[in-house]
Protein backbone atom coordinates (compact mmCIF):
# COMPACT_ATOMS: atom_id res chain seq x y z
CA UNK A 1 209.91 -91.28 171.90
CA UNK A 2 209.75 -94.71 170.28
CA UNK A 3 210.38 -96.30 173.66
CA UNK A 4 207.56 -94.28 175.22
CA UNK A 5 205.19 -95.29 172.45
CA UNK A 6 206.27 -98.91 172.61
CA UNK A 7 205.82 -99.26 176.37
CA UNK A 8 202.03 -98.66 176.43
CA UNK A 9 201.73 -101.05 173.50
CA UNK A 10 203.57 -103.70 175.51
CA UNK A 11 201.32 -103.07 178.52
CA UNK A 12 198.22 -103.37 176.36
CA UNK A 13 199.58 -106.60 175.00
CA UNK A 14 200.11 -107.97 178.51
CA UNK A 15 196.59 -107.28 179.75
CA UNK A 16 194.87 -109.90 177.59
CA UNK A 17 197.46 -112.50 178.59
CA UNK A 18 196.94 -111.78 182.29
CA UNK A 19 193.19 -111.75 181.86
CA UNK A 20 193.31 -115.08 180.03
CA UNK A 21 195.36 -116.60 182.84
CA UNK A 22 192.82 -115.46 185.40
CA UNK A 23 190.00 -116.77 183.24
CA UNK A 24 191.72 -120.14 183.05
CA UNK A 25 192.23 -120.18 186.82
CA UNK A 26 188.60 -119.23 187.43
CA UNK A 27 187.45 -121.93 185.00
CA UNK A 28 189.53 -124.53 186.83
CA UNK A 29 188.08 -123.41 190.16
CA UNK A 30 184.56 -123.51 188.69
CA UNK A 31 185.13 -127.18 187.89
CA UNK A 32 187.12 -128.26 190.95
CA UNK A 33 185.10 -126.57 193.72
CA UNK A 34 181.73 -128.22 192.84
CA UNK A 35 183.45 -131.61 192.44
CA UNK A 36 185.10 -131.30 195.85
CA UNK A 37 181.84 -130.23 197.49
CA UNK A 38 179.99 -133.12 195.84
CA UNK A 39 182.64 -135.53 197.10
CA UNK A 40 182.41 -134.09 200.62
CA UNK A 41 178.63 -134.26 200.86
CA UNK A 42 178.20 -137.58 199.06
CA UNK A 43 181.08 -139.54 200.61
CA UNK A 44 182.43 -137.82 203.73
CA UNK A 45 179.87 -135.86 205.77
CA UNK A 46 176.58 -137.01 204.21
CA UNK A 47 175.65 -139.18 207.19
CA UNK A 48 176.36 -136.47 209.76
CA UNK A 49 173.30 -135.37 211.75
CA UNK A 50 173.98 -131.74 210.85
CA UNK A 51 173.76 -132.47 207.11
CA UNK A 52 171.12 -135.23 207.02
CA UNK A 53 168.81 -134.89 210.05
CA UNK A 54 168.17 -138.02 212.12
CA UNK A 55 164.45 -137.62 211.41
CA UNK A 56 165.29 -138.78 207.89
CA UNK A 57 168.37 -140.90 208.44
CA UNK A 58 166.82 -142.91 211.28
CA UNK A 59 163.28 -143.08 209.90
CA UNK A 60 161.88 -146.59 209.98
CA UNK A 61 159.47 -145.99 207.11
CA UNK A 62 160.07 -143.22 204.56
CA UNK A 63 157.35 -142.02 202.16
CA UNK A 64 157.99 -140.07 198.96
CA UNK A 65 154.85 -138.34 197.64
CA UNK A 66 154.89 -137.30 193.97
CA UNK A 67 152.46 -136.47 191.17
CA UNK A 68 153.49 -138.59 188.15
CA UNK A 69 155.48 -141.74 187.40
CA UNK A 70 159.14 -140.70 186.76
CA UNK A 71 159.03 -137.78 189.27
CA UNK A 72 160.81 -140.06 191.72
CA UNK A 73 163.96 -140.34 189.60
CA UNK A 74 163.82 -136.96 187.82
CA UNK A 75 163.73 -135.03 191.10
CA UNK A 76 163.97 -137.11 194.28
CA UNK A 77 166.54 -139.84 193.63
CA UNK A 78 169.36 -138.25 195.71
CA UNK A 79 166.98 -138.10 198.69
CA UNK A 80 165.58 -141.60 198.20
CA UNK A 81 168.94 -143.26 197.61
CA UNK A 82 170.74 -141.06 200.13
CA UNK A 83 168.45 -142.21 202.94
CA UNK A 84 167.89 -145.84 201.93
CA UNK A 85 171.53 -146.51 201.03
CA UNK A 86 172.85 -145.09 204.31
CA UNK A 87 170.48 -147.02 206.54
CA UNK A 88 169.44 -150.46 205.33
CA UNK A 89 166.82 -150.64 208.11
CA UNK A 90 164.77 -147.88 206.49
CA UNK A 91 161.85 -149.10 204.37
CA UNK A 92 161.04 -146.83 201.46
CA UNK A 93 157.61 -146.15 200.03
CA UNK A 94 156.45 -144.20 196.97
CA UNK A 95 152.96 -142.76 196.60
CA UNK A 96 152.30 -141.30 193.13
CA UNK A 97 149.04 -139.39 192.83
CA UNK A 98 148.38 -140.33 189.19
CA UNK A 99 149.33 -142.87 186.53
CA UNK A 100 150.52 -140.12 184.17
CA UNK A 101 147.68 -140.79 181.74
CA UNK A 102 147.72 -137.39 180.02
CA UNK A 103 148.59 -139.01 176.67
CA UNK A 104 146.72 -142.26 177.24
CA UNK A 105 149.74 -144.20 178.49
CA UNK A 106 148.65 -144.56 182.10
CA UNK A 107 148.75 -148.36 182.26
CA UNK A 108 152.17 -148.47 180.59
CA UNK A 109 153.61 -145.80 182.87
CA UNK A 110 152.23 -147.55 185.93
CA UNK A 111 154.08 -150.73 184.93
CA UNK A 112 157.25 -148.76 184.23
CA UNK A 113 157.05 -147.27 187.71
CA UNK A 114 157.49 -150.70 189.28
CA UNK A 115 160.85 -151.15 187.54
CA UNK A 116 161.96 -147.70 188.65
CA UNK A 117 161.04 -148.47 192.26
CA UNK A 118 163.05 -151.68 192.12
CA UNK A 119 166.12 -149.79 190.88
CA UNK A 120 165.73 -147.27 193.72
CA UNK A 121 165.35 -149.96 196.40
CA UNK A 122 161.60 -149.62 196.93
CA UNK A 123 159.61 -152.85 197.02
CA UNK A 124 156.67 -153.36 194.66
CA UNK A 125 154.14 -153.54 197.51
CA UNK A 126 155.09 -149.99 198.54
CA UNK A 127 155.18 -148.56 195.03
CA UNK A 128 151.70 -147.16 194.38
CA UNK A 129 150.32 -145.08 191.51
CA UNK A 130 146.81 -143.81 192.24
CA UNK A 131 144.26 -143.89 189.44
CA UNK A 132 141.40 -141.66 190.64
CA UNK A 133 139.03 -139.65 188.39
CA UNK A 134 139.85 -136.44 190.29
CA UNK A 135 143.61 -137.01 190.13
CA UNK A 136 144.30 -137.41 186.42
CA UNK A 137 147.52 -136.09 184.90
CA UNK A 138 146.67 -132.66 183.49
CA UNK A 139 148.95 -129.58 183.42
CA UNK A 140 145.88 -127.30 183.48
CA UNK A 141 143.93 -128.77 186.41
CA UNK A 142 144.46 -128.09 190.12
CA UNK A 143 143.87 -131.37 191.91
CA UNK A 144 141.55 -131.99 194.85
CA UNK A 145 143.93 -131.37 197.76
CA UNK A 146 141.52 -132.79 200.35
CA UNK A 147 141.52 -136.09 198.46
CA UNK A 148 145.33 -136.06 198.32
CA UNK A 149 145.47 -135.47 202.09
CA UNK A 150 143.17 -138.43 202.67
CA UNK A 151 145.32 -140.68 200.50
CA UNK A 152 148.53 -139.55 202.17
CA UNK A 153 147.09 -140.09 205.63
CA UNK A 154 145.76 -143.51 204.60
CA UNK A 155 149.21 -144.65 203.51
CA UNK A 156 150.91 -143.04 206.50
CA UNK A 157 148.78 -145.22 208.75
CA UNK A 158 148.97 -148.30 206.53
CA UNK A 159 152.76 -148.25 206.24
CA UNK A 160 153.50 -146.71 209.67
CA UNK A 161 155.31 -143.79 208.04
CA UNK A 162 157.47 -141.55 210.21
CA UNK A 163 158.97 -139.24 207.54
CA UNK A 164 157.67 -137.75 204.27
CA UNK A 165 159.49 -136.08 201.38
CA UNK A 166 157.57 -134.21 198.67
CA UNK A 167 157.55 -131.09 196.46
CA UNK A 168 157.71 -127.55 197.82
CA UNK A 169 155.22 -124.90 196.75
CA UNK A 170 157.06 -124.36 193.45
CA UNK A 171 156.78 -128.01 192.47
CA UNK A 172 160.36 -127.99 191.05
CA UNK A 173 159.08 -127.60 187.47
CA UNK A 174 156.09 -125.42 188.30
CA UNK A 175 153.68 -128.14 187.14
CA UNK A 176 150.24 -127.45 188.62
CA UNK A 177 149.83 -131.09 189.71
CA UNK A 178 153.15 -130.95 191.58
CA UNK A 179 152.04 -127.78 193.36
CA UNK A 180 148.71 -129.33 194.31
CA UNK A 181 150.53 -132.27 195.92
CA UNK A 182 152.72 -129.82 197.82
CA UNK A 183 149.74 -127.79 199.03
CA UNK A 184 148.00 -130.94 200.26
CA UNK A 185 151.00 -132.28 202.18
CA UNK A 186 151.77 -128.85 203.66
CA UNK A 187 148.18 -128.55 204.92
CA UNK A 188 148.29 -132.11 206.21
CA UNK A 189 151.50 -131.46 208.17
CA UNK A 190 150.18 -128.17 209.53
CA UNK A 191 146.77 -129.39 210.67
CA UNK A 192 146.98 -133.11 211.47
CA UNK A 193 148.56 -133.95 214.81
CA UNK A 194 149.21 -137.51 213.59
CA UNK A 195 151.22 -136.36 210.58
CA UNK A 196 154.87 -137.46 210.56
CA UNK A 197 157.73 -135.04 209.95
CA UNK A 198 157.72 -133.80 206.34
CA UNK A 199 160.46 -132.29 204.17
CA UNK A 200 160.08 -130.54 200.81
CA UNK A 201 162.44 -130.38 197.85
CA UNK A 202 163.61 -126.84 197.09
CA UNK A 203 162.58 -125.31 193.77
CA UNK A 204 165.20 -123.20 191.97
CA UNK A 205 165.21 -120.97 188.90
CA UNK A 206 165.46 -122.62 185.49
CA UNK A 207 169.04 -121.35 185.09
CA UNK A 208 170.15 -122.95 188.36
CA UNK A 209 168.22 -126.13 187.59
CA UNK A 210 170.30 -127.00 184.52
CA UNK A 211 173.81 -126.21 185.72
CA UNK A 212 174.80 -129.75 186.72
CA UNK A 213 177.05 -129.30 189.79
CA UNK A 214 177.73 -125.60 189.22
CA UNK A 215 174.82 -124.68 191.50
CA UNK A 216 176.19 -126.73 194.39
CA UNK A 217 178.53 -124.03 195.83
CA UNK A 218 175.57 -121.65 196.13
CA UNK A 219 173.32 -124.37 197.59
CA UNK A 220 176.01 -125.35 200.09
CA UNK A 221 176.41 -121.84 201.53
CA UNK A 222 173.87 -122.30 204.39
CA UNK A 223 175.55 -125.63 205.23
CA UNK A 224 179.19 -124.47 205.19
CA UNK A 225 179.54 -124.11 208.94
CA UNK A 226 177.85 -127.44 209.54
CA UNK A 227 180.13 -129.13 207.00
CA UNK A 228 183.16 -127.60 208.74
CA UNK A 229 181.89 -128.88 212.09
CA UNK A 230 181.24 -132.32 210.63
CA UNK A 231 184.79 -132.47 209.29
CA UNK A 232 186.19 -131.29 212.64
CA UNK A 233 184.19 -133.51 214.95
CA UNK A 234 181.61 -135.96 213.57
CA UNK A 235 178.24 -135.89 215.30
CA UNK A 236 176.54 -138.89 216.83
CA UNK A 237 173.77 -139.84 214.41
CA UNK A 238 171.09 -139.65 217.10
CA UNK A 239 171.97 -136.06 218.00
CA UNK A 240 169.28 -133.44 217.58
CA UNK A 241 169.46 -131.76 214.21
CA UNK A 242 170.80 -128.25 213.77
CA UNK A 243 168.20 -126.38 211.78
CA UNK A 244 165.36 -127.52 209.58
CA UNK A 245 167.23 -128.27 206.37
CA UNK A 246 168.96 -131.23 204.79
CA UNK A 247 171.48 -131.68 201.97
CA UNK A 248 171.79 -135.00 200.13
CA UNK A 249 174.12 -135.76 197.23
CA UNK A 250 174.42 -138.76 194.95
CA UNK A 251 177.61 -140.77 194.89
CA UNK A 252 178.67 -141.94 191.43
CA UNK A 253 177.09 -145.32 192.17
CA UNK A 254 173.81 -143.74 193.23
CA UNK A 255 173.84 -141.53 190.13
CA UNK A 256 174.11 -144.67 187.98
CA UNK A 257 171.18 -146.14 189.91
CA UNK A 258 169.23 -142.97 189.13
CA UNK A 259 169.89 -143.45 185.43
CA UNK A 260 168.91 -147.11 185.72
CA UNK A 261 165.66 -146.11 187.42
CA UNK A 262 164.76 -143.59 184.74
CA UNK A 263 165.67 -146.08 182.00
CA UNK A 264 162.66 -148.09 183.19
CA UNK A 265 160.41 -145.22 182.04
CA UNK A 266 160.97 -146.09 178.40
CA UNK A 267 157.87 -144.20 177.24
CA UNK A 268 159.36 -140.96 178.61
CA UNK A 269 162.94 -141.39 177.39
CA UNK A 270 163.37 -138.72 174.67
CA UNK A 271 166.55 -136.89 173.60
CA UNK A 272 165.91 -133.96 175.95
CA UNK A 273 165.58 -136.34 178.90
CA UNK A 274 169.05 -137.70 178.05
CA UNK A 275 170.36 -134.17 178.54
CA UNK A 276 168.29 -133.73 181.68
CA UNK A 277 169.84 -136.80 183.28
CA UNK A 278 173.26 -135.15 182.92
CA UNK A 279 172.59 -131.45 183.35
CA UNK A 280 169.91 -131.26 186.05
CA UNK A 281 171.05 -130.53 189.58
CA UNK A 282 168.16 -132.69 190.84
CA UNK A 283 169.78 -135.93 189.70
CA UNK A 284 173.00 -135.00 191.51
CA UNK A 285 171.87 -133.43 194.79
CA UNK A 286 168.78 -132.33 196.75
CA UNK A 287 168.34 -129.67 199.39
CA UNK A 288 165.32 -130.11 201.61
CA UNK A 289 163.37 -127.96 204.07
CA UNK A 290 161.30 -129.19 206.99
CA UNK A 291 157.63 -128.25 207.00
CA UNK A 292 156.14 -126.67 210.14
CA UNK A 293 153.81 -129.00 211.99
CA UNK A 294 150.78 -128.63 214.24
CA UNK A 295 151.03 -126.91 217.62
CA UNK A 296 149.79 -130.11 219.26
CA UNK A 297 152.52 -132.13 217.57
CA UNK A 298 155.19 -129.62 218.56
CA UNK A 299 154.08 -129.78 222.18
CA UNK A 300 154.24 -133.56 222.13
CA UNK A 301 157.80 -133.42 220.75
CA UNK A 302 158.94 -131.03 223.45
CA UNK A 303 157.41 -133.01 226.32
């Protein structure tokens, strides 16, 4: 009888030990898998046409369109550095639709932006912060999208832009100014036959946003087959892209450049931004989606 009573007790004692072993194994996998994926995308297959479309990789003049000074390094640095670092012939440009003057620091933030652009490899003459009465930093005001379209088109022509990267409809943080910029660029791409190809940065939930690299396995899922193909047989860079998405990850060096860029925004560097620069997925990797363009433009591309 004592043996029968003792056996279940032993089994119950074994279950926690087994469970703890599995928890340890799962924890190790949760750390290793994102690191391996980051290494693959950042160092091994990141230049493959199936991961970073030639429309971006081979662009002669790239334009990033944002809403406020510091957006470029808080959200877009993997895309900016991923394109410019891989192809030294690409000229980067940054068009910021305001000086970030919500707290009366517009002039200071505009000057800080120049240092950030330099850290990201964008020259001062293509680092522009617009200061227009209808485009003032305000989290409660929907900006004039027609004016934004005009400014984007003006700089597309001025700088001979052939690829744009901007916010998607969620604006990453949900900021109303970000969403207005997205709406303007989306309308521009959809209605103007002279608009270059445009990609938008994917907005995620708040939980996914602050999981460092833990969100990468989920983000990589649509790219798994393409990554496997890239590892099996690398594509010629000029090949046509497969799909309308892109995945760009920071190397360790590019991550340090991101931190250096944001350090230029001294007026914005608070304790929570220190955490952001470690925990946010957007300083480690970006996934992008291509915007649909005009019927006229599509016909021209096919002919």
